[in-house]
Amino acid sequence: MKTILAELDRMATQGHALEMGMEYRKGVLSQERIDALNALGFIWDARVRE
């Protein structure tokens, strides 16, 4: 049961991250949210490697 809950949590987090990325690219994500996500180390484009 714990594994199923962990997987559901991972999927929800992944979905939220995808949504934030889409809002960022559309230019509708607030600067406050962008700053907060940047502070957490959010990766805006996983295809770009440093």
PDB file of N, CA and C in Angstrom:
ATOM      1  N   MET A   1       0.826  -1.201   0.000  1.00  0.00           N
ATOM      2  CA  MET A   1       0.000   0.000   0.000  1.00  0.00           C
ATOM      3  C   MET A   1       0.866   1.259   0.000  1.00  0.00           C
ATOM      4  N   LYS A   2       1.949   1.235   0.784  1.00  0.00           N
ATOM      5  CA  LYS A   2       2.825   2.391   0.868  1.00  0.00           C
ATOM      6  C   LYS A   2       3.433   2.713  -0.503  1.00  0.00           C
ATOM      7  N   THR A   3       3.779   1.703  -1.269  1.00  0.00           N
ATOM      8  CA  THR A   3       4.355   1.901  -2.593  1.00  0.00           C
ATOM      9  C   THR A   3       3.348   2.556  -3.532  1.00  0.00           C
ATOM     10  N   ILE A   4       2.107   2.142  -3.458  1.00  0.00           N
ATOM     11  CA  ILE A   4       1.061   2.723  -4.303  1.00  0.00           C
ATOM     12  C   ILE A   4       0.863   4.199  -3.962  1.00  0.00           C
ATOM     13  N   LEU A   5       0.839   4.522  -2.680  1.00  0.00           N
ATOM     14  CA  LEU A   5       0.679   5.914  -2.267  1.00  0.00           C
ATOM     15  C   LEU A   5       1.874   6.757  -2.698  1.00  0.00           C
ATOM     16  N   ALA A   6       3.061   6.205  -2.600  1.00  0.00           N
ATOM     17  CA  ALA A   6       4.260   6.931  -3.032  1.00  0.00           C
ATOM     18  C   ALA A   6       4.204   7.184  -4.531  1.00  0.00           C
ATOM     19  N   GLU A   7       3.756   6.217  -5.289  1.00  0.00           N
ATOM     20  CA  GLU A   7       3.647   6.372  -6.743  1.00  0.00           C
ATOM     21  C   GLU A   7       2.591   7.417  -7.105  1.00  0.00           C
ATOM     22  N   LEU A   8       1.472   7.399  -6.411  1.00  0.00           N
ATOM     23  CA  LEU A   8       0.433   8.406  -6.662  1.00  0.00           C
ATOM     24  C   LEU A   8       0.936   9.807  -6.330  1.00  0.00           C
ATOM     25  N   ASP A   9       1.687   9.928  -5.245  1.00  0.00           N
ATOM     26  CA  ASP A   9       2.260  11.209  -4.861  1.00  0.00           C
ATOM     27  C   ASP A   9       3.255  11.682  -5.919  1.00  0.00           C
ATOM     28  N   ARG A  10       4.088  10.786  -6.416  1.00  0.00           N
ATOM     29  CA  ARG A  10       5.060  11.121  -7.452  1.00  0.00           C
ATOM     30  C   ARG A  10       4.353  11.596  -8.721  1.00  0.00           C
ATOM     31  N   MET A  11       3.292  10.902  -9.089  1.00  0.00           N
ATOM     32  CA  MET A  11       2.545  11.277 -10.291  1.00  0.00           C
ATOM     33  C   MET A  11       1.892  12.642 -10.129  1.00  0.00           C
ATOM     34  N   ALA A  12       1.349  12.926  -8.961  1.00  0.00           N
ATOM     35  CA  ALA A  12       0.723  14.218  -8.702  1.00  0.00           C
ATOM     36  C   ALA A  12       1.757  15.330  -8.755  1.00  0.00           C
ATOM     37  N   THR A  13       2.915  15.083  -8.176  1.00  0.00           N
ATOM     38  CA  THR A  13       3.994  16.078  -8.188  1.00  0.00           C
ATOM     39  C   THR A  13       4.478  16.315  -9.608  1.00  0.00           C
ATOM     40  N   GLN A  14       4.621  15.251 -10.362  1.00  0.00           N
ATOM     41  CA  GLN A  14       5.062  15.362 -11.755  1.00  0.00           C
ATOM     42  C   GLN A  14       4.055  16.156 -12.574  1.00  0.00           C
ATOM     43  N   GLY A  15       2.782  15.894 -12.374  1.00  0.00           N
ATOM     44  CA  GLY A  15       1.735  16.621 -13.082  1.00  0.00           C
ATOM     45  C   GLY A  15       1.750  18.100 -12.735  1.00  0.00           C
ATOM     46  N   HIS A  16       1.969  18.400 -11.470  1.00  0.00           N
ATOM     47  CA  HIS A  16       2.033  19.795 -11.034  1.00  0.00           C
ATOM     48  C   HIS A  16       3.243  20.488 -11.648  1.00  0.00           C
ATOM     49  N   ALA A  17       4.362  19.797 -11.702  1.00  0.00           N
ATOM     50  CA  ALA A  17       5.571  20.374 -12.298  1.00  0.00           C
ATOM     51  C   ALA A  17       5.355  20.651 -13.786  1.00  0.00           C
ATOM     52  N   LEU A  18       4.693  19.750 -14.476  1.00  0.00           N
ATOM     53  CA  LEU A  18       4.400  19.969 -15.892  1.00  0.00           C
ATOM     54  C   LEU A  18       3.502  21.184 -16.081  1.00  0.00           C
ATOM     55  N   GLU A  19       2.517  21.317 -15.207  1.00  0.00           N
ATOM     56  CA  GLU A  19       1.600  22.460 -15.270  1.00  0.00           C
ATOM     57  C   GLU A  19       2.339  23.775 -15.029  1.00  0.00           C
ATOM     58  N   MET A  20       3.237  23.794 -14.055  1.00  0.00           N
ATOM     59  CA  MET A  20       4.009  25.013 -13.768  1.00  0.00           C
ATOM     60  C   MET A  20       4.882  25.381 -14.967  1.00  0.00           C
ATOM     61  N   GLY A  21       5.486  24.378 -15.590  1.00  0.00           N
ATOM     62  CA  GLY A  21       6.309  24.620 -16.773  1.00  0.00           C
ATOM     63  C   GLY A  21       5.501  25.203 -17.920  1.00  0.00           C
ATOM     64  N   MET A  22       4.298  24.685 -18.118  1.00  0.00           N
ATOM     65  CA  MET A  22       3.440  25.197 -19.191  1.00  0.00           C
ATOM     66  C   MET A  22       3.026  26.639 -18.906  1.00  0.00           C
ATOM     67  N   GLU A  23       2.666  26.934 -17.662  1.00  0.00           N
ATOM     68  CA  GLU A  23       2.279  28.303 -17.303  1.00  0.00           C
ATOM     69  C   GLU A  23       3.454  29.262 -17.472  1.00  0.00           C
ATOM     70  N   TYR A  24       4.657  28.794 -17.140  1.00  0.00           N
ATOM     71  CA  TYR A  24       5.864  29.611 -17.292  1.00  0.00           C
ATOM     72  C   TYR A  24       6.081  29.946 -18.773  1.00  0.00           C
ATOM     73  N   ARG A  25       5.998  28.931 -19.636  1.00  0.00           N
ATOM     74  CA  ARG A  25       6.215  29.149 -21.074  1.00  0.00           C
ATOM     75  C   ARG A  25       5.140  30.041 -21.690  1.00  0.00           C
ATOM     76  N   LYS A  26       3.931  29.979 -21.168  1.00  0.00           N
ATOM     77  CA  LYS A  26       2.841  30.834 -21.664  1.00  0.00           C
ATOM     78  C   LYS A  26       2.968  32.269 -21.152  1.00  0.00           C
ATOM     79  N   GLY A  27       3.798  32.463 -20.131  1.00  0.00           N
ATOM     80  CA  GLY A  27       3.981  33.784 -19.551  1.00  0.00           C
ATOM     81  C   GLY A  27       2.906  34.178 -18.556  1.00  0.00           C
ATOM     82  N   VAL A  28       2.200  33.187 -18.011  1.00  0.00           N
ATOM     83  CA  VAL A  28       1.123  33.490 -17.060  1.00  0.00           C
ATOM     84  C   VAL A  28       1.480  33.150 -15.609  1.00  0.00           C
ATOM     85  N   LEU A  29       2.675  32.639 -15.385  1.00  0.00           N
ATOM     86  CA  LEU A  29       3.103  32.299 -14.030  1.00  0.00           C
ATOM     87  C   LEU A  29       3.624  33.559 -13.355  1.00  0.00           C
ATOM     88  N   SER A  30       3.156  33.830 -12.152  1.00  0.00           N
ATOM     89  CA  SER A  30       3.556  35.051 -11.453  1.00  0.00           C
ATOM     90  C   SER A  30       5.047  35.026 -11.127  1.00  0.00           C
ATOM     91  N   GLN A  31       5.632  36.204 -11.048  1.00  0.00           N
ATOM     92  CA  GLN A  31       7.052  36.301 -10.705  1.00  0.00           C
ATOM     93  C   GLN A  31       7.313  35.735  -9.321  1.00  0.00           C
ATOM     94  N   GLU A  32       6.367  35.915  -8.415  1.00  0.00           N
ATOM     95  CA  GLU A  32       6.500  35.361  -7.066  1.00  0.00           C
ATOM     96  C   GLU A  32       6.622  33.839  -7.121  1.00  0.00           C
ATOM     97  N   ARG A  33       5.795  33.199  -7.927  1.00  0.00           N
ATOM     98  CA  ARG A  33       5.838  31.732  -8.070  1.00  0.00           C
ATOM     99  C   ARG A  33       7.138  31.298  -8.744  1.00  0.00           C
ATOM    100  N   ILE A  34       7.571  32.051  -9.767  1.00  0.00           N
ATOM    101  CA  ILE A  34       8.827  31.734 -10.452  1.00  0.00           C
ATOM    102  C   ILE A  34       9.987  31.801  -9.467  1.00  0.00           C
ATOM    103  N   ASP A  35      10.030  32.870  -8.667  1.00  0.00           N
ATOM    104  CA  ASP A  35      11.099  33.032  -7.682  1.00  0.00           C
ATOM    105  C   ASP A  35      11.089  31.900  -6.653  1.00  0.00           C
ATOM    106  N   ALA A  36       9.905  31.519  -6.201  1.00  0.00           N
ATOM    107  CA  ALA A  36       9.791  30.443  -5.212  1.00  0.00           C
ATOM    108  C   ALA A  36      10.267  29.113  -5.803  1.00  0.00           C
ATOM    109  N   LEU A  37       9.880  28.829  -7.025  1.00  0.00           N
ATOM    110  CA  LEU A  37      10.300  27.582  -7.667  1.00  0.00           C
ATOM    111  C   LEU A  37      11.796  27.595  -7.957  1.00  0.00           C
ATOM    112  N   ASN A  38      12.333  28.737  -8.372  1.00  0.00           N
ATOM    113  CA  ASN A  38      13.778  28.847  -8.584  1.00  0.00           C
ATOM    114  C   ASN A  38      14.540  28.594  -7.289  1.00  0.00           C
ATOM    115  N   ALA A  39      14.022  29.094  -6.172  1.00  0.00           N
ATOM    116  CA  ALA A  39      14.661  28.895  -4.873  1.00  0.00           C
ATOM    117  C   ALA A  39      14.713  27.412  -4.497  1.00  0.00           C
ATOM    118  N   LEU A  40      13.757  26.640  -5.004  1.00  0.00           N
ATOM    119  CA  LEU A  40      13.724  25.196  -4.747  1.00  0.00           C
ATOM    120  C   LEU A  40      14.578  24.410  -5.741  1.00  0.00           C
ATOM    121  N   GLY A  41      15.136  25.111  -6.738  1.00  0.00           N
ATOM    122  CA  GLY A  41      15.944  24.433  -7.745  1.00  0.00           C
ATOM    123  C   GLY A  41      15.133  23.845  -8.890  1.00  0.00           C
ATOM    124  N   PHE A  42      13.953  24.417  -9.138  1.00  0.00           N
ATOM    125  CA  PHE A  42      13.081  23.918 -10.203  1.00  0.00           C
ATOM    126  C   PHE A  42      13.807  23.973 -11.545  1.00  0.00           C
ATOM    127  N   ILE A  43      13.713  22.903 -12.316  1.00  0.00           N
ATOM    128  CA  ILE A  43      14.314  22.837 -13.647  1.00  0.00           C
ATOM    129  C   ILE A  43      13.235  23.166 -14.649  1.00  0.00           C
ATOM    130  N   TRP A  44      13.380  24.295 -15.335  1.00  0.00           N
ATOM    131  CA  TRP A  44      12.348  24.758 -16.258  1.00  0.00           C
ATOM    132  C   TRP A  44      12.341  23.982 -17.560  1.00  0.00           C
ATOM    133  N   ASP A  45      13.480  23.544 -18.024  1.00  0.00           N
ATOM    134  CA  ASP A  45      13.533  22.769 -19.260  1.00  0.00           C
ATOM    135  C   ASP A  45      14.503  21.618 -19.052  1.00  0.00           C
ATOM    136  N   ALA A  46      13.965  20.441 -18.834  1.00  0.00           N
ATOM    137  CA  ALA A  46      14.792  19.268 -18.544  1.00  0.00           C
ATOM    138  C   ALA A  46      15.644  18.870 -19.737  1.00  0.00           C
ATOM    139  N   ARG A  47      15.319  19.361 -20.920  1.00  0.00           N
ATOM    140  CA  ARG A  47      16.106  19.025 -22.099  1.00  0.00           C
ATOM    141  C   ARG A  47      17.423  19.796 -22.147  1.00  0.00           C
ATOM    142  N   VAL A  48      17.500  20.900 -21.410  1.00  0.00           N
ATOM    143  CA  VAL A  48      18.710  21.729 -21.396  1.00  0.00           C
ATOM    144  C   VAL A  48      19.609  21.240 -20.267  1.00  0.00           C
ATOM    145  N   ARG A  49      20.835  20.916 -20.604  1.00  0.00           N
ATOM    146  CA  ARG A  49      21.790  20.447 -19.593  1.00  0.00           C
ATOM    147  C   ARG A  49      22.876  21.481 -19.420  1.00  0.00           C
ATOM    148  N   GLU A  50      23.280  21.695 -18.201  1.00  0.00           N
ATOM    149  CA  GLU A  50      24.344  22.663 -17.910  1.00  0.00           C
ATOM    150  C   GLU A  50      25.691  22.005 -18.017  1.00  0.00           C
TER     151      GLU A  50
END
